Each structure stands twice: as C-alpha cells, then as structure tokens.
Amino acid sequence: MTRTLLALVLTAAVGLSACSAAGTAPTATPAASEARMGAWSPSQLGLVAATGDPAVMPSTPGFSPGILYVSRVYVDQARASRVAHLAVIAPGEGITNAFVGVYDPGAGKLLAATGDLSGPLQAGGIVDAPFTKELPAEPMNKELWLVLLIGGMTKSPTMIGGREYGTNLGLTSDYRLWVSASDKFTALPEAIPELKVPVHGSIPFVAIGP
C-alpha cells in the first residue's frame, strides 16, 4: 500500500513538473526533533528517509558530471532500506557511471550504494534502484547523507527537486546540500571526500525505503 502511494505521488509530481517545465567536509549536525521534521514525514509514504516531499518540490535541479551531490536527511522509521527512489521528468543523454549512495556523516563512510543507474536516468519516469546490499535499520532521527553522482553525461536529466538555486539560500549554517570539491568522480568513494557549500544549488528528490 505504501509503495503504491509513493508511486502515485511521484507519478503526479513528474506529470505536473513536466507540464510546468515545458572547503572540507562539514561535521554532522545533531539529530532532528519531531518539530523540526515538520508536518510531512517520509514514513507517510513508507520511506525511511527523503530529501523532501515530492508532491510539493517545485523545481528541477541542474547537474554537472563528476560531482557528488550530498543531501542531509534524517531517519523517519527504524527499518532496513533496500531501494533508492528518484523521479525523472525528462531523460538525460550519454549518461555513464550514475549511482545513489548513503553515507554516515558521523563515521564518514559509505553504508550502501545502488548499481549503475545510467539506463534508468536515460529512460525517465520513476526510478526504483535496489542497493547492492541492504542497509540495516538505523535509529530514529539519525542523520544520514544521500549522495547522487552522475559520472558522465552529454545532457543532464531533468528531475524533481527543491526550489531552484534555493536550497541553501540565506543560510550561514545548518546547510542541507553540499557538493564535492572535485568534479572527477566516476564512482562513489568509500569515505566522504572534501565538500563545499554550493553558492547556488537545488536539492534533488532522493529517498530510501524498504
């Protein structure tokens, strides 16, 4: 039931968006409180964690090849995760070495990763990408980082995401989005590399779940 609900929400979000579109790594921040997580929560869609509510994400992030896009999330239910979810409005072209990974910012290491998503990102629609190994249940409210990498492309996919150029707008701390200092990645590193806060950037919709 929850997987069906997620599919319905993502399908609607992709449809609406398609019509309208015609330094060093930071330290982990304290766990979120229930009030901080707001009225919407990922568990309402059966998700363990997500970068935002896809039904109200208004824009489409831009991506450059070889860069890690690092988004902060919090665990919303203590269940194992087997799948990462993305929502592609318009497919990309010439995509190679595309992955989603889950990192523990406290330990600074990779916990789980998908296989290569080059094909799905060039097909469009809802992407349900299995992890190569299950991510065990993490404690409620634990901070995780969801990372999207597209190692190579000739045309970026158009994806559901947050306010264009606005994820970190006006913030001097408590950032939600970082990018890698290097733009040469073709695979997810085992350890968190040097990161920087983007001057402009929009957080993509990325979620993990059972």
Protein backbone atom coordinates (compact mmCIF):
# COMPACT_ATOMS: atom_id res chain seq x y z
CA MET A 1 0.00 0.00 0.00
CA THR A 2 2.75 2.47 0.92
CA ARG A 3 4.75 1.61 -2.22
CA THR A 4 1.60 2.20 -4.30
CA LEU A 5 1.04 5.55 -2.57
CA LEU A 6 4.64 6.59 -3.25
CA ALA A 7 4.25 5.66 -6.91
CA LEU A 8 1.06 7.72 -7.19
CA VAL A 9 2.67 10.78 -5.58
CA LEU A 10 5.79 10.55 -7.75
CA THR A 11 3.76 10.00 -10.92
CA ALA A 12 1.68 13.08 -10.18
CA ALA A 13 4.75 15.15 -9.31
CA VAL A 14 6.56 14.14 -12.50
CA GLY A 15 3.46 14.92 -14.57
CA LEU A 16 2.95 18.36 -13.05
CA SER A 17 6.61 19.27 -13.32
CA ALA A 18 6.76 18.15 -16.93
CA CYS A 19 3.85 20.45 -17.76
CA SER A 20 5.29 23.47 -15.93
CA ALA A 21 8.75 22.91 -17.35
CA ALA A 22 7.60 22.87 -20.96
CA GLY A 23 36.14 23.77 1.89
CA THR A 24 36.42 20.48 3.89
CA ALA A 25 33.63 18.10 4.70
CA PRO A 26 31.31 19.57 7.35
CA THR A 27 30.64 17.76 10.58
CA ALA A 28 27.35 16.03 11.28
CA THR A 29 24.62 18.12 12.88
CA PRO A 30 22.52 16.99 15.87
CA ALA A 31 19.56 14.68 15.27
CA ALA A 32 16.34 16.38 14.25
CA SER A 33 13.44 16.76 16.62
CA GLU A 34 9.91 15.83 15.60
CA ALA A 35 9.01 19.53 15.37
CA ARG A 36 11.94 20.20 13.10
CA MET A 37 10.90 17.49 10.67
CA GLY A 38 7.60 19.29 10.07
CA ALA A 39 4.09 18.10 9.32
CA TRP A 40 5.10 15.93 6.36
CA SER A 41 7.28 12.94 7.07
CA PRO A 42 8.84 10.29 4.78
CA SER A 43 7.18 7.46 6.73
CA GLN A 44 3.80 8.66 5.42
CA LEU A 45 4.92 7.28 2.04
CA GLY A 46 6.54 4.20 3.55
CA LEU A 47 10.02 5.72 3.24
CA VAL A 48 12.87 5.55 5.72
CA ALA A 49 14.28 8.96 4.74
CA ALA A 50 13.84 11.51 1.95
CA THR A 51 15.19 14.91 0.93
CA GLY A 52 11.67 16.35 0.80
CA ASP A 53 8.03 15.86 -0.09
CA PRO A 54 7.99 15.19 -3.86
CA ALA A 55 4.40 16.39 -4.14
CA VAL A 56 5.44 19.98 -3.36
CA MET A 57 9.02 20.13 -4.65
CA PRO A 58 8.66 22.95 -7.18
CA SER A 59 11.71 22.86 -9.39
CA THR A 60 14.34 20.90 -11.28
CA PRO A 61 17.96 20.79 -10.08
CA GLY A 62 20.79 21.09 -12.58
CA PHE A 63 23.60 18.54 -12.52
CA SER A 64 27.19 18.56 -13.72
CA PRO A 65 29.19 15.41 -14.44
CA GLY A 66 31.63 14.00 -11.92
CA ILE A 67 30.23 15.91 -8.92
CA LEU A 68 28.80 14.36 -5.76
CA TYR A 69 25.50 15.99 -4.72
CA VAL A 70 25.21 15.44 -0.97
CA SER A 71 21.85 15.93 0.77
CA ARG A 72 21.20 15.77 4.52
CA VAL A 73 18.24 13.66 5.72
CA TYR A 74 17.03 12.12 8.97
CA VAL A 75 15.77 8.59 9.58
CA ASP A 76 11.98 8.66 9.92
CA GLN A 77 11.38 4.99 10.73
CA ALA A 78 13.75 2.34 12.04
CA ARG A 79 13.51 -0.13 9.14
CA ALA A 80 16.04 -1.62 6.77
CA SER A 81 16.38 0.08 3.38
CA ARG A 82 16.71 -1.88 0.16
CA VAL A 83 15.82 0.67 -2.52
CA ALA A 84 16.62 4.27 -3.50
CA HIS A 85 13.97 6.35 -5.28
CA LEU A 86 14.32 9.18 -7.81
CA ALA A 87 11.82 10.91 -10.12
CA VAL A 88 12.99 11.81 -13.64
CA ILE A 89 10.85 14.29 -15.59
CA ALA A 90 12.88 14.23 -18.80
CA PRO A 91 15.63 11.71 -19.53
CA GLY A 92 19.27 12.60 -19.89
CA GLU A 93 21.62 11.54 -22.65
CA GLY A 94 25.07 10.00 -22.75
CA ILE A 95 24.92 9.14 -19.05
CA THR A 96 27.60 6.92 -17.53
CA ASN A 97 28.56 5.89 -14.00
CA ALA A 98 25.45 7.08 -12.16
CA PHE A 99 24.83 6.00 -8.56
CA VAL A 100 22.98 6.81 -5.35
CA GLY A 101 24.80 6.21 -2.08
CA VAL A 102 24.02 6.50 1.62
CA TYR A 103 26.71 7.84 3.94
CA ASP A 104 27.06 8.07 7.70
CA PRO A 105 28.41 11.62 8.26
CA GLY A 106 29.50 10.78 11.79
CA ALA A 107 31.64 7.84 10.72
CA GLY A 108 32.44 9.43 7.36
CA LYS A 109 31.86 6.25 5.38
CA LEU A 110 29.66 4.74 2.68
CA LEU A 111 26.91 2.48 4.08
CA ALA A 112 25.06 1.39 0.92
CA ALA A 113 25.01 2.10 -2.81
CA THR A 114 22.94 1.27 -5.87
CA GLY A 115 24.22 -0.28 -9.05
CA ASP A 116 24.77 1.88 -12.12
CA LEU A 117 21.67 3.98 -12.93
CA SER A 118 22.81 5.15 -16.35
CA GLY A 119 19.98 3.29 -18.10
CA PRO A 120 17.09 4.44 -15.89
CA LEU A 121 18.24 8.08 -15.95
CA GLN A 122 18.10 7.95 -19.77
CA ALA A 123 14.63 6.37 -19.74
CA GLY A 124 12.80 8.78 -17.43
CA GLY A 125 9.92 8.25 -15.04
CA ILE A 126 10.09 6.83 -11.53
CA VAL A 127 13.40 5.16 -10.71
CA ASP A 128 13.39 2.43 -8.04
CA ALA A 129 17.03 1.44 -7.66
CA PRO A 130 17.95 -1.52 -5.42
CA PHE A 131 21.01 -1.25 -3.22
CA THR A 132 23.73 -3.78 -3.88
CA LYS A 133 23.42 -4.72 -0.20
CA GLU A 134 20.70 -4.00 2.33
CA LEU A 135 21.14 -1.00 4.60
CA PRO A 136 20.27 -2.20 8.12
CA ALA A 137 17.78 -0.26 10.20
CA GLU A 138 19.21 2.92 11.69
CA PRO A 139 17.94 4.69 14.84
CA MET A 140 15.09 7.18 14.53
CA ASN A 141 16.24 10.73 13.76
CA LYS A 142 19.79 9.66 12.89
CA GLU A 143 21.37 11.95 10.31
CA LEU A 144 22.34 10.33 7.01
CA TRP A 145 23.66 11.81 3.78
CA LEU A 146 22.11 10.75 0.46
CA VAL A 147 24.51 11.22 -2.43
CA LEU A 148 23.76 11.36 -6.16
CA LEU A 149 26.56 11.01 -8.71
CA ILE A 150 26.38 11.17 -12.50
CA GLY A 151 29.92 10.47 -13.63
CA GLY A 152 29.43 11.44 -17.27
CA MET A 153 26.70 12.90 -19.48
CA THR A 154 26.09 14.83 -22.68
CA LYS A 155 22.69 16.05 -21.44
CA SER A 156 21.55 16.26 -17.82
CA PRO A 157 18.32 14.53 -16.80
CA THR A 158 15.53 16.78 -15.52
CA MET A 159 14.48 15.61 -12.06
CA ILE A 160 12.07 16.55 -9.28
CA GLY A 161 13.79 18.80 -6.75
CA GLY A 162 13.64 21.74 -4.41
CA ARG A 163 13.42 25.45 -5.13
CA GLU A 164 15.77 26.32 -7.98
CA TYR A 165 19.07 27.73 -6.69
CA GLY A 166 17.43 27.98 -3.28
CA THR A 167 18.31 25.03 -1.04
CA ASN A 168 20.95 26.94 0.96
CA LEU A 169 19.65 30.41 0.13
CA GLY A 170 20.18 32.82 3.02
CA LEU A 171 21.79 30.19 5.27
CA THR A 172 25.09 30.63 7.07
CA SER A 173 24.94 27.23 8.77
CA ASP A 174 22.65 24.19 9.06
CA TYR A 175 23.06 23.52 5.33
CA ARG A 176 21.04 20.83 3.53
CA LEU A 177 23.13 20.49 0.37
CA TRP A 178 26.85 20.15 -0.33
CA VAL A 179 28.81 19.24 -3.43
CA SER A 180 32.20 17.64 -3.83
CA ALA A 181 35.19 19.91 -4.29
CA SER A 182 36.34 17.61 -7.11
CA ASP A 183 34.40 17.07 -10.34
CA LYS A 184 36.31 13.95 -11.36
CA PHE A 185 34.26 11.22 -9.66
CA THR A 186 33.13 8.21 -11.69
CA ALA A 187 32.31 6.03 -8.67
CA LEU A 188 31.16 6.63 -5.10
CA PRO A 189 34.14 6.89 -2.73
CA GLU A 190 34.22 4.71 0.36
CA ALA A 191 34.93 7.74 2.56
CA ILE A 192 33.37 11.21 2.42
CA PRO A 193 35.68 13.44 0.36
CA GLU A 194 36.29 17.17 0.62
CA LEU A 195 32.99 19.02 0.23
CA LYS A 196 31.91 22.62 -0.26
CA VAL A 197 28.67 24.55 0.09
CA PRO A 198 27.31 25.48 -3.36
CA VAL A 199 26.65 29.16 -3.92
CA HIS A 200 23.64 28.15 -5.99
CA GLY A 201 22.02 24.75 -5.98
CA SER A 202 18.77 22.87 -5.58
CA ILE A 203 18.36 19.68 -3.64
CA PRO A 204 17.11 16.72 -5.75
CA PHE A 205 14.38 14.40 -4.57
CA VAL A 206 16.16 11.28 -3.32
CA ALA A 207 14.56 8.79 -0.94
CA ILE A 208 15.36 5.40 0.57
CA GLY A 209 12.98 2.73 1.76
CA PRO A 210 12.26 -0.95 2.29
